[in-house]
Full PDB file with SEQRES, HELIX, SHEET, SSBOND, CRYST1, ORIGX, SCALE, CONECT and MASTER records, all heavy atoms in Angstrom:
SEQRES   1 A   37  LYS ILE LYS GLY GLU THR LEU PRO GLU LYS GLY VAL SER          
SEQRES   2 A   37  LEU LEU VAL THR GLY ALA ARG ILE ARG ASN ARG LEU GLN          
SEQRES   3 A   37  SER GLU GLY TYR ASN ILE ILE LYS SER PHE TRP                  
HELIX    1 AA1 ALA A   19  SER A   27  1                                   9    
SHEET    1 AA1 2 SER A  13  THR A  17  0                                        
SHEET    2 AA1 2 ASN A  31  PHE A  36  1                                        
CRYST1    1.000    1.000    1.000  90.00  90.00  90.00 P 1           1          
ORIGX1      1.000000  0.000000  0.000000        0.00000                         
ORIGX2      0.000000  1.000000  0.000000        0.00000                         
ORIGX3      0.000000  0.000000  1.000000        0.00000                         
SCALE1      1.000000  0.000000  0.000000        0.00000                         
SCALE2      0.000000  1.000000  0.000000        0.00000                         
SCALE3      0.000000  0.000000  1.000000        0.00000                         
ATOM      1  N   LYS A   1     -49.411  26.519 -11.012  1.00  0.00           N  
ATOM      2  CA  LYS A   1     -48.156  26.326 -10.287  1.00  0.00           C  
ATOM      3  C   LYS A   1     -46.953  26.280 -11.227  1.00  0.00           C  
ATOM      4  O   LYS A   1     -45.899  26.864 -10.924  1.00  0.00           O  
ATOM      5  CB  LYS A   1     -48.237  25.031  -9.470  1.00  0.00           C  
ATOM      6  CG  LYS A   1     -46.981  24.710  -8.694  1.00  0.00           C  
ATOM      7  CD  LYS A   1     -47.133  23.401  -7.938  1.00  0.00           C  
ATOM      8  CE  LYS A   1     -45.848  23.034  -7.212  1.00  0.00           C  
ATOM      9  NZ  LYS A   1     -45.970  21.739  -6.487  1.00  0.00           N  
ATOM     10  N   ILE A   2     -47.088  25.576 -12.365  1.00  0.00           N  
ATOM     11  CA  ILE A   2     -45.931  25.400 -13.252  1.00  0.00           C  
ATOM     12  C   ILE A   2     -45.785  26.556 -14.253  1.00  0.00           C  
ATOM     13  O   ILE A   2     -44.773  26.648 -14.939  1.00  0.00           O  
ATOM     14  CB  ILE A   2     -46.012  24.076 -14.029  1.00  0.00           C  
ATOM     15  CG1 ILE A   2     -47.227  24.056 -14.971  1.00  0.00           C  
ATOM     16  CG2 ILE A   2     -46.051  22.895 -13.074  1.00  0.00           C  
ATOM     17  CD1 ILE A   2     -47.302  22.810 -15.837  1.00  0.00           C  
ATOM     18  N   LYS A   3     -46.790  27.434 -14.324  1.00  0.00           N  
ATOM     19  CA  LYS A   3     -46.693  28.578 -15.227  1.00  0.00           C  
ATOM     20  C   LYS A   3     -45.607  29.511 -14.712  1.00  0.00           C  
ATOM     21  O   LYS A   3     -45.641  29.957 -13.574  1.00  0.00           O  
ATOM     22  CB  LYS A   3     -48.029  29.307 -15.314  1.00  0.00           C  
ATOM     23  CG  LYS A   3     -48.086  30.359 -16.403  1.00  0.00           C  
ATOM     24  CD  LYS A   3     -49.494  30.890 -16.582  1.00  0.00           C  
ATOM     25  CE  LYS A   3     -49.976  31.619 -15.357  1.00  0.00           C  
ATOM     26  NZ  LYS A   3     -51.280  32.279 -15.551  1.00  0.00           N  
ATOM     27  N   GLY A   4     -44.656  29.815 -15.556  1.00  0.00           N  
ATOM     28  CA  GLY A   4     -43.520  30.631 -15.141  1.00  0.00           C  
ATOM     29  C   GLY A   4     -42.338  29.808 -14.678  1.00  0.00           C  
ATOM     30  O   GLY A   4     -41.230  30.330 -14.524  1.00  0.00           O  
ATOM     31  N   GLU A   5     -42.562  28.503 -14.450  1.00  0.00           N  
ATOM     32  CA  GLU A   5     -41.465  27.603 -14.068  1.00  0.00           C  
ATOM     33  C   GLU A   5     -41.099  26.720 -15.261  1.00  0.00           C  
ATOM     34  O   GLU A   5     -40.108  26.968 -15.946  1.00  0.00           O  
ATOM     35  CB  GLU A   5     -41.877  26.755 -12.860  1.00  0.00           C  
ATOM     36  CG  GLU A   5     -42.185  27.580 -11.611  1.00  0.00           C  
ATOM     37  CD  GLU A   5     -42.646  26.715 -10.461  1.00  0.00           C  
ATOM     38  OE1 GLU A   5     -42.698  25.474 -10.609  1.00  0.00           O  
ATOM     39  OE2 GLU A   5     -42.966  27.274  -9.390  1.00  0.00           O  
ATOM     40  N   THR A   6     -41.905  25.703 -15.500  1.00  0.00           N  
ATOM     41  CA  THR A   6     -41.663  24.830 -16.656  1.00  0.00           C  
ATOM     42  C   THR A   6     -42.444  25.284 -17.883  1.00  0.00           C  
ATOM     43  O   THR A   6     -42.205  24.791 -18.985  1.00  0.00           O  
ATOM     44  CB  THR A   6     -42.038  23.377 -16.321  1.00  0.00           C  
ATOM     45  OG1 THR A   6     -43.381  23.342 -15.843  1.00  0.00           O  
ATOM     46  CG2 THR A   6     -41.117  22.818 -15.257  1.00  0.00           C  
ATOM     47  N   LEU A   7     -43.385  26.198 -17.689  1.00  0.00           N  
ATOM     48  CA  LEU A   7     -44.132  26.791 -18.797  1.00  0.00           C  
ATOM     49  C   LEU A   7     -43.940  28.300 -18.768  1.00  0.00           C  
ATOM     50  O   LEU A   7     -43.811  28.888 -17.687  1.00  0.00           O  
ATOM     51  CB  LEU A   7     -45.632  26.478 -18.682  1.00  0.00           C  
ATOM     52  CG  LEU A   7     -46.095  25.058 -19.013  1.00  0.00           C  
ATOM     53  CD1 LEU A   7     -47.582  24.937 -18.719  1.00  0.00           C  
ATOM     54  CD2 LEU A   7     -45.817  24.708 -20.455  1.00  0.00           C  
ATOM     55  N   PRO A   8     -43.927  28.959 -19.938  1.00  0.00           N  
ATOM     56  CA  PRO A   8     -43.786  30.418 -19.947  1.00  0.00           C  
ATOM     57  C   PRO A   8     -45.026  31.098 -19.375  1.00  0.00           C  
ATOM     58  O   PRO A   8     -46.126  30.543 -19.403  1.00  0.00           O  
ATOM     59  CB  PRO A   8     -43.599  30.745 -21.434  1.00  0.00           C  
ATOM     60  CG  PRO A   8     -44.221  29.602 -22.162  1.00  0.00           C  
ATOM     61  CD  PRO A   8     -43.998  28.400 -21.310  1.00  0.00           C  
ATOM     62  N   GLU A   9     -44.845  32.304 -18.845  1.00  0.00           N  
ATOM     63  CA  GLU A   9     -45.965  33.065 -18.292  1.00  0.00           C  
ATOM     64  C   GLU A   9     -46.971  33.429 -19.371  1.00  0.00           C  
ATOM     65  O   GLU A   9     -48.174  33.409 -19.155  1.00  0.00           O  
ATOM     66  CB  GLU A   9     -45.444  34.342 -17.625  1.00  0.00           C  
ATOM     67  CG  GLU A   9     -44.817  34.122 -16.258  1.00  0.00           C  
ATOM     68  CD  GLU A   9     -45.858  33.975 -15.162  1.00  0.00           C  
ATOM     69  OE1 GLU A   9     -47.048  34.128 -15.460  1.00  0.00           O  
ATOM     70  OE2 GLU A   9     -45.457  33.685 -14.014  1.00  0.00           O  
ATOM     71  N   LYS A  10     -46.463  33.785 -20.562  1.00  0.00           N  
ATOM     72  CA  LYS A  10     -47.329  34.220 -21.650  1.00  0.00           C  
ATOM     73  C   LYS A  10     -46.993  33.438 -22.915  1.00  0.00           C  
ATOM     74  O   LYS A  10     -45.937  32.809 -23.015  1.00  0.00           O  
ATOM     75  CB  LYS A  10     -47.157  35.718 -21.890  1.00  0.00           C  
ATOM     76  CG  LYS A  10     -47.570  36.582 -20.700  1.00  0.00           C  
ATOM     77  CD  LYS A  10     -47.391  38.056 -21.007  1.00  0.00           C  
ATOM     78  CE  LYS A  10     -47.822  38.926 -19.837  1.00  0.00           C  
ATOM     79  NZ  LYS A  10     -47.638  40.380 -20.120  1.00  0.00           N  
ATOM     80  N   GLY A  11     -47.911  33.517 -23.876  1.00  0.00           N  
ATOM     81  CA  GLY A  11     -47.661  32.897 -25.175  1.00  0.00           C  
ATOM     82  C   GLY A  11     -48.012  31.426 -25.250  1.00  0.00           C  
ATOM     83  O   GLY A  11     -47.628  30.754 -26.201  1.00  0.00           O  
ATOM     84  N   VAL A  12     -48.747  30.912 -24.248  1.00  0.00           N  
ATOM     85  CA  VAL A  12     -49.146  29.507 -24.259  1.00  0.00           C  
ATOM     86  C   VAL A  12     -50.562  29.391 -24.805  1.00  0.00           C  
ATOM     87  O   VAL A  12     -51.485  30.029 -24.296  1.00  0.00           O  
ATOM     88  CB  VAL A  12     -49.072  28.880 -22.847  1.00  0.00           C  
ATOM     89  CG1 VAL A  12     -49.506  27.420 -22.892  1.00  0.00           C  
ATOM     90  CG2 VAL A  12     -47.673  29.009 -22.282  1.00  0.00           C  
ATOM     91  N   SER A  13     -50.723  28.591 -25.848  1.00  0.00           N  
ATOM     92  CA  SER A  13     -52.045  28.305 -26.405  1.00  0.00           C  
ATOM     93  C   SER A  13     -52.491  26.921 -25.944  1.00  0.00           C  
ATOM     94  O   SER A  13     -51.660  26.035 -25.751  1.00  0.00           O  
ATOM     95  CB  SER A  13     -52.006  28.359 -27.930  1.00  0.00           C  
ATOM     96  OG  SER A  13     -51.584  29.638 -28.376  1.00  0.00           O  
ATOM     97  N   LEU A  14     -53.802  26.749 -25.774  1.00  0.00           N  
ATOM     98  CA  LEU A  14     -54.316  25.502 -25.210  1.00  0.00           C  
ATOM     99  C   LEU A  14     -55.276  24.800 -26.158  1.00  0.00           C  
ATOM    100  O   LEU A  14     -56.107  25.432 -26.812  1.00  0.00           O  
ATOM    101  CB  LEU A  14     -55.054  25.771 -23.897  1.00  0.00           C  
ATOM    102  CG  LEU A  14     -54.253  25.789 -22.588  1.00  0.00           C  
ATOM    103  CD1 LEU A  14     -53.177  26.848 -22.616  1.00  0.00           C  
ATOM    104  CD2 LEU A  14     -55.179  25.997 -21.390  1.00  0.00           C  
ATOM    105  N   LEU A  15     -55.121  23.474 -26.237  1.00  0.00           N  
ATOM    106  CA  LEU A  15     -56.148  22.589 -26.774  1.00  0.00           C  
ATOM    107  C   LEU A  15     -56.715  21.840 -25.580  1.00  0.00           C  
ATOM    108  O   LEU A  15     -55.969  21.200 -24.842  1.00  0.00           O  
ATOM    109  CB  LEU A  15     -55.562  21.602 -27.782  1.00  0.00           C  
ATOM    110  CG  LEU A  15     -55.059  22.158 -29.124  1.00  0.00           C  
ATOM    111  CD1 LEU A  15     -54.453  21.031 -29.957  1.00  0.00           C  
ATOM    112  CD2 LEU A  15     -56.178  22.833 -29.882  1.00  0.00           C  
ATOM    113  N   VAL A  16     -58.028  21.915 -25.380  1.00  0.00           N  
ATOM    114  CA  VAL A  16     -58.623  21.425 -24.134  1.00  0.00           C  
ATOM    115  C   VAL A  16     -59.671  20.361 -24.415  1.00  0.00           C  
ATOM    116  O   VAL A  16     -60.554  20.552 -25.253  1.00  0.00           O  
ATOM    117  CB  VAL A  16     -59.270  22.583 -23.339  1.00  0.00           C  
ATOM    118  CG1 VAL A  16     -59.886  22.065 -22.050  1.00  0.00           C  
ATOM    119  CG2 VAL A  16     -58.239  23.659 -23.033  1.00  0.00           C  
ATOM    120  N   THR A  17     -59.551  19.242 -23.706  1.00  0.00           N  
ATOM    121  CA  THR A  17     -60.580  18.211 -23.729  1.00  0.00           C  
ATOM    122  C   THR A  17     -61.366  18.287 -22.424  1.00  0.00           C  
ATOM    123  O   THR A  17     -60.780  18.199 -21.345  1.00  0.00           O  
ATOM    124  CB  THR A  17     -59.945  16.813 -23.870  1.00  0.00           C  
ATOM    125  OG1 THR A  17     -59.320  16.702 -25.141  1.00  0.00           O  
ATOM    126  CG2 THR A  17     -60.999  15.729 -23.746  1.00  0.00           C  
ATOM    127  N   GLY A  18     -62.686  18.479 -22.537  1.00  0.00           N  
ATOM    128  CA  GLY A  18     -63.522  18.554 -21.339  1.00  0.00           C  
ATOM    129  C   GLY A  18     -64.178  19.915 -21.191  1.00  0.00           C  
ATOM    130  O   GLY A  18     -63.485  20.927 -21.051  1.00  0.00           O  
ATOM    131  N   ALA A  19     -65.513  19.947 -21.225  1.00  0.00           N  
ATOM    132  CA  ALA A  19     -66.241  21.217 -21.151  1.00  0.00           C  
ATOM    133  C   ALA A  19     -66.090  21.882 -19.788  1.00  0.00           C  
ATOM    134  O   ALA A  19     -65.994  23.108 -19.692  1.00  0.00           O  
ATOM    135  CB  ALA A  19     -67.721  20.973 -21.453  1.00  0.00           C  
ATOM    136  N   ARG A  20     -66.055  21.089 -18.735  1.00  0.00           N  
ATOM    137  CA  ARG A  20     -65.981  21.661 -17.391  1.00  0.00           C  
ATOM    138  C   ARG A  20     -64.665  22.392 -17.169  1.00  0.00           C  
ATOM    139  O   ARG A  20     -64.641  23.515 -16.668  1.00  0.00           O  
ATOM    140  CB  ARG A  20     -66.157  20.557 -16.340  1.00  0.00           C  
ATOM    141  CG  ARG A  20     -67.575  20.029 -16.242  1.00  0.00           C  
ATOM    142  CD  ARG A  20     -67.660  18.835 -15.324  1.00  0.00           C  
ATOM    143  NE  ARG A  20     -69.027  18.352 -15.214  1.00  0.00           N  
ATOM    144  CZ  ARG A  20     -69.846  18.597 -14.202  1.00  0.00           C  
ATOM    145  NH1 ARG A  20     -69.423  19.330 -13.196  1.00  0.00           N  
ATOM    146  NH2 ARG A  20     -71.070  18.115 -14.180  1.00  0.00           N  
ATOM    147  N   ILE A  21     -63.556  21.758 -17.548  1.00  0.00           N  
ATOM    148  CA  ILE A  21     -62.258  22.409 -17.346  1.00  0.00           C  
ATOM    149  C   ILE A  21     -62.059  23.553 -18.340  1.00  0.00           C  
ATOM    150  O   ILE A  21     -61.376  24.531 -18.044  1.00  0.00           O  
ATOM    151  CB  ILE A  21     -61.107  21.379 -17.438  1.00  0.00           C  
ATOM    152  CG1 ILE A  21     -59.817  21.991 -16.898  1.00  0.00           C  
ATOM    153  CG2 ILE A  21     -60.918  20.888 -18.868  1.00  0.00           C  
ATOM    154  CD1 ILE A  21     -58.699  20.992 -16.727  1.00  0.00           C  
ATOM    155  N   ARG A  22     -62.678  23.444 -19.522  1.00  0.00           N  
ATOM    156  CA  ARG A  22     -62.591  24.541 -20.490  1.00  0.00           C  
ATOM    157  C   ARG A  22     -63.170  25.823 -19.901  1.00  0.00           C  
ATOM    158  O   ARG A  22     -62.567  26.901 -19.995  1.00  0.00           O  
ATOM    159  CB  ARG A  22     -63.350  24.167 -21.753  1.00  0.00           C  
ATOM    160  CG  ARG A  22     -63.401  25.290 -22.810  1.00  0.00           C  
ATOM    161  CD  ARG A  22     -64.526  25.034 -23.781  1.00  0.00           C  
ATOM    162  NE  ARG A  22     -65.828  25.051 -23.105  1.00  0.00           N  
ATOM    163  CZ  ARG A  22     -66.928  24.479 -23.576  1.00  0.00           C  
ATOM    164  NH1 ARG A  22     -66.890  23.820 -24.729  1.00  0.00           N  
ATOM    165  NH2 ARG A  22     -68.065  24.545 -22.906  1.00  0.00           N  
ATOM    166  N   ASN A  23     -64.337  25.722 -19.273  1.00  0.00           N  
ATOM    167  CA  ASN A  23     -64.971  26.894 -18.683  1.00  0.00           C  
ATOM    168  C   ASN A  23     -64.107  27.500 -17.573  1.00  0.00           C  
ATOM    169  O   ASN A  23     -63.996  28.725 -17.451  1.00  0.00           O  
ATOM    170  CB  ASN A  23     -66.349  26.528 -18.132  1.00  0.00           C  
ATOM    171  CG  ASN A  23     -67.310  26.082 -19.217  1.00  0.00           C  
ATOM    172  OD1 ASN A  23     -67.154  26.441 -20.383  1.00  0.00           O  
ATOM    173  ND2 ASN A  23     -68.303  25.285 -18.852  1.00  0.00           N  
ATOM    174  N   ARG A  24     -63.491  26.620 -16.797  1.00  0.00           N  
ATOM    175  CA  ARG A  24     -62.627  27.109 -15.705  1.00  0.00           C  
ATOM    176  C   ARG A  24     -61.388  27.809 -16.266  1.00  0.00           C  
ATOM    177  O   ARG A  24     -60.993  28.882 -15.777  1.00  0.00           O  
ATOM    178  CB  ARG A  24     -62.227  25.917 -14.834  1.00  0.00           C  
ATOM    179  CG  ARG A  24     -61.267  26.253 -13.719  1.00  0.00           C  
ATOM    180  CD  ARG A  24     -61.918  27.051 -12.609  1.00  0.00           C  
ATOM    181  NE  ARG A  24     -60.944  27.437 -11.607  1.00  0.00           N  
ATOM    182  CZ  ARG A  24     -60.606  26.657 -10.574  1.00  0.00           C  
ATOM    183  NH1 ARG A  24     -61.185  25.467 -10.419  1.00  0.00           N  
ATOM    184  NH2 ARG A  24     -59.724  27.072  -9.686  1.00  0.00           N  
ATOM    185  N   LEU A  25     -60.776  27.248 -17.294  1.00  0.00           N  
ATOM    186  CA  LEU A  25     -59.576  27.844 -17.884  1.00  0.00           C  
ATOM    187  C   LEU A  25     -59.904  29.154 -18.595  1.00  0.00           C  
ATOM    188  O   LEU A  25     -59.103  30.095 -18.567  1.00  0.00           O  
ATOM    189  CB  LEU A  25     -58.922  26.862 -18.856  1.00  0.00           C  
ATOM    190  CG  LEU A  25     -58.285  25.625 -18.217  1.00  0.00           C  
ATOM    191  CD1 LEU A  25     -57.880  24.612 -19.279  1.00  0.00           C  
ATOM    192  CD2 LEU A  25     -57.068  26.010 -17.380  1.00  0.00           C  
ATOM    193  N   GLN A  26     -61.070  29.218 -19.224  1.00  0.00           N  
ATOM    194  CA  GLN A  26     -61.487  30.468 -19.864  1.00  0.00           C  
ATOM    195  C   GLN A  26     -61.640  31.580 -18.829  1.00  0.00           C  
ATOM    196  O   GLN A  26     -61.246  32.725 -19.066  1.00  0.00           O  
ATOM    197  CB  GLN A  26     -62.794  30.263 -20.620  1.00  0.00           C  
ATOM    198  CG  GLN A  26     -62.632  29.600 -21.977  1.00  0.00           C  
ATOM    199  CD  GLN A  26     -63.963  29.414 -22.693  1.00  0.00           C  
ATOM    200  OE1 GLN A  26     -65.020  29.357 -22.054  1.00  0.00           O  
ATOM    201  NE2 GLN A  26     -63.920  29.300 -24.010  1.00  0.00           N  
ATOM    202  N   SER A  27     -62.214  31.240 -17.685  1.00  0.00           N  
ATOM    203  CA  SER A  27     -62.393  32.240 -16.631  1.00  0.00           C  
ATOM    204  C   SER A  27     -61.056  32.712 -16.066  1.00  0.00           C  
ATOM    205  O   SER A  27     -60.960  33.814 -15.524  1.00  0.00           O  
ATOM    206  CB  SER A  27     -63.263  31.678 -15.501  1.00  0.00           C  
ATOM    207  OG  SER A  27     -62.598  30.628 -14.820  1.00  0.00           O  
ATOM    208  N   GLU A  28     -60.013  31.871 -16.206  1.00  0.00           N  
ATOM    209  CA  GLU A  28     -58.678  32.235 -15.739  1.00  0.00           C  
ATOM    210  C   GLU A  28     -57.904  33.032 -16.789  1.00  0.00           C  
ATOM    211  O   GLU A  28     -56.782  33.473 -16.534  1.00  0.00           O  
ATOM    212  CB  GLU A  28     -57.881  30.969 -15.371  1.00  0.00           C  
ATOM    213  CG  GLU A  28     -58.444  30.166 -14.212  1.00  0.00           C  
ATOM    214  CD  GLU A  28     -58.234  30.846 -12.878  1.00  0.00           C  
ATOM    215  OE1 GLU A  28     -57.375  31.747 -12.794  1.00  0.00           O  
ATOM    216  OE2 GLU A  28     -58.941  30.478 -11.915  1.00  0.00           O  
ATOM    217  N   GLY A  29     -58.483  33.198 -17.980  1.00  0.00           N  
ATOM    218  CA  GLY A  29     -57.860  34.033 -19.003  1.00  0.00           C  
ATOM    219  C   GLY A  29     -56.920  33.328 -19.946  1.00  0.00           C  
ATOM    220  O   GLY A  29     -56.146  33.985 -20.660  1.00  0.00           O  
ATOM    221  N   TYR A  30     -56.963  32.002 -20.013  1.00  0.00           N  
ATOM    222  CA  TYR A  30     -56.065  31.266 -20.916  1.00  0.00           C  
ATOM    223  C   TYR A  30     -56.582  31.342 -22.359  1.00  0.00           C  
ATOM    224  O   TYR A  30     -57.792  31.410 -22.599  1.00  0.00           O  
ATOM    225  CB  TYR A  30     -55.953  29.802 -20.482  1.00  0.00           C  
ATOM    226  CG  TYR A  30     -55.117  29.608 -19.240  1.00  0.00           C  
ATOM    227  CD1 TYR A  30     -55.733  29.492 -17.983  1.00  0.00           C  
ATOM    228  CD2 TYR A  30     -53.739  29.542 -19.309  1.00  0.00           C  
ATOM    229  CE1 TYR A  30     -54.975  29.316 -16.834  1.00  0.00           C  
ATOM    230  CE2 TYR A  30     -52.977  29.363 -18.159  1.00  0.00           C  
ATOM    231  CZ  TYR A  30     -53.596  29.258 -16.931  1.00  0.00           C  
ATOM    232  OH  TYR A  30     -52.852  29.090 -15.801  1.00  0.00           O  
ATOM    233  N   ASN A  31     -55.632  31.301 -23.287  1.00  0.00           N  
ATOM    234  CA  ASN A  31     -55.953  31.340 -24.713  1.00  0.00           C  
ATOM    235  C   ASN A  31     -56.265  29.924 -25.206  1.00  0.00           C  
ATOM    236  O   ASN A  31     -55.351  29.121 -25.398  1.00  0.00           O  
ATOM    237  CB  ASN A  31     -54.781  31.934 -25.495  1.00  0.00           C  
ATOM    238  CG  ASN A  31     -55.020  31.891 -27.003  1.00  0.00           C  
ATOM    239  OD1 ASN A  31     -56.162  32.005 -27.469  1.00  0.00           O  
ATOM    240  ND2 ASN A  31     -53.949  31.726 -27.760  1.00  0.00           N  
ATOM    241  N   ILE A  32     -57.535  29.611 -25.384  1.00  0.00           N  
ATOM    242  CA  ILE A  32     -57.950  28.274 -25.821  1.00  0.00           C  
ATOM    243  C   ILE A  32     -58.235  28.309 -27.313  1.00  0.00           C  
ATOM    244  O   ILE A  32     -59.161  28.982 -27.769  1.00  0.00           O  
ATOM    245  CB  ILE A  32     -59.192  27.801 -25.037  1.00  0.00           C  
ATOM    246  CG1 ILE A  32     -58.869  27.729 -23.549  1.00  0.00           C  
ATOM    247  CG2 ILE A  32     -59.665  26.446 -25.555  1.00  0.00           C  
ATOM    248  CD1 ILE A  32     -60.058  27.363 -22.681  1.00  0.00           C  
ATOM    249  N   ILE A  33     -57.417  27.582 -28.075  1.00  0.00           N  
ATOM    250  CA  ILE A  33     -57.587  27.531 -29.527  1.00  0.00           C  
ATOM    251  C   ILE A  33     -58.846  26.758 -29.890  1.00  0.00           C  
ATOM    252  O   ILE A  33     -59.660  27.185 -30.701  1.00  0.00           O  
ATOM    253  CB  ILE A  33     -56.365  26.870 -30.200  1.00  0.00           C  
ATOM    254  CG1 ILE A  33     -55.100  27.671 -29.925  1.00  0.00           C  
ATOM    255  CG2 ILE A  33     -56.586  26.716 -31.697  1.00  0.00           C  
ATOM    256  CD1 ILE A  33     -53.859  27.024 -30.486  1.00  0.00           C  
ATOM    257  N   LYS A  34     -58.990  25.589 -29.269  1.00  0.00           N  
ATOM    258  CA  LYS A  34     -60.142  24.740 -29.552  1.00  0.00           C  
ATOM    259  C   LYS A  34     -60.374  23.805 -28.376  1.00  0.00           C  
ATOM    260  O   LYS A  34     -59.437  23.435 -27.661  1.00  0.00           O  
ATOM    261  CB  LYS A  34     -59.912  23.920 -30.830  1.00  0.00           C  
ATOM    262  CG  LYS A  34     -61.162  23.193 -31.324  1.00  0.00           C  
ATOM    263  CD  LYS A  34     -60.959  22.607 -32.706  1.00  0.00           C  
ATOM    264  CE  LYS A  34     -62.228  21.937 -33.214  1.00  0.00           C  
ATOM    265  NZ  LYS A  34     -62.069  21.386 -34.572  1.00  0.00           N  
ATOM    266  N   SER A  35     -61.628  23.434 -28.181  1.00  0.00           N  
ATOM    267  CA  SER A  35     -61.965  22.487 -27.117  1.00  0.00           C  
ATOM    268  C   SER A  35     -62.717  21.305 -27.717  1.00  0.00           C  
ATOM    269  O   SER A  35     -63.338  21.410 -28.775  1.00  0.00           O  
ATOM    270  CB  SER A  35     -62.807  23.158 -26.029  1.00  0.00           C  
ATOM    271  OG  SER A  35     -64.035  23.610 -26.556  1.00  0.00           O  
ATOM    272  N   PHE A  36     -62.643  20.179 -27.019  1.00  0.00           N  
ATOM    273  CA  PHE A  36     -63.255  18.936 -27.480  1.00  0.00           C  
ATOM    274  C   PHE A  36     -64.056  18.321 -26.335  1.00  0.00           C  
ATOM    275  O   PHE A  36     -63.743  18.524 -25.161  1.00  0.00           O  
ATOM    276  CB  PHE A  36     -62.191  17.922 -27.930  1.00  0.00           C  
ATOM    277  CG  PHE A  36     -61.188  18.452 -28.910  1.00  0.00           C  
ATOM    278  CD1 PHE A  36     -60.038  19.073 -28.462  1.00  0.00           C  
ATOM    279  CD2 PHE A  36     -61.398  18.325 -30.277  1.00  0.00           C  
ATOM    280  CE1 PHE A  36     -59.105  19.561 -29.360  1.00  0.00           C  
ATOM    281  CE2 PHE A  36     -60.474  18.809 -31.180  1.00  0.00           C  
ATOM    282  CZ  PHE A  36     -59.315  19.426 -30.723  1.00  0.00           C  
ATOM    283  N   TRP A  37     -65.070  17.557 -26.709  1.00  0.00           N  
ATOM    284  CA  TRP A  37     -65.763  16.730 -25.721  1.00  0.00           C  
ATOM    285  C   TRP A  37     -64.889  15.526 -25.407  1.00  0.00           C  
ATOM    286  O   TRP A  37     -64.231  14.970 -26.282  1.00  0.00           O  
ATOM    287  CB  TRP A  37     -67.117  16.270 -26.241  1.00  0.00           C  
ATOM    288  CG  TRP A  37     -68.112  17.370 -26.391  1.00  0.00           C  
ATOM    289  CD1 TRP A  37     -68.483  17.998 -27.548  1.00  0.00           C  
ATOM    290  CD2 TRP A  37     -68.871  17.984 -25.350  1.00  0.00           C  
ATOM    291  NE1 TRP A  37     -69.417  18.963 -27.292  1.00  0.00           N  
ATOM    292  CE2 TRP A  37     -69.683  18.980 -25.944  1.00  0.00           C  
ATOM    293  CE3 TRP A  37     -68.950  17.789 -23.971  1.00  0.00           C  
ATOM    294  CZ2 TRP A  37     -70.549  19.782 -25.209  1.00  0.00           C  
ATOM    295  CZ3 TRP A  37     -69.827  18.592 -23.229  1.00  0.00           C  
ATOM    296  CH2 TRP A  37     -70.595  19.556 -23.847  1.00  0.00           C  
TER     297      TRP A  37                                                      
MASTER        0    0    0    1    2    0    0    6  296    1    0    3          
END                                                                             
């Protein structure tokens, strides 16, 4: 929802905590630099 509004459409890198949400974000095509338990 906030992508393109308060966040840019492209060029956003992610640090993700949580394996479940990491898998979901990967399937959505987000650039995940690193993930953590």
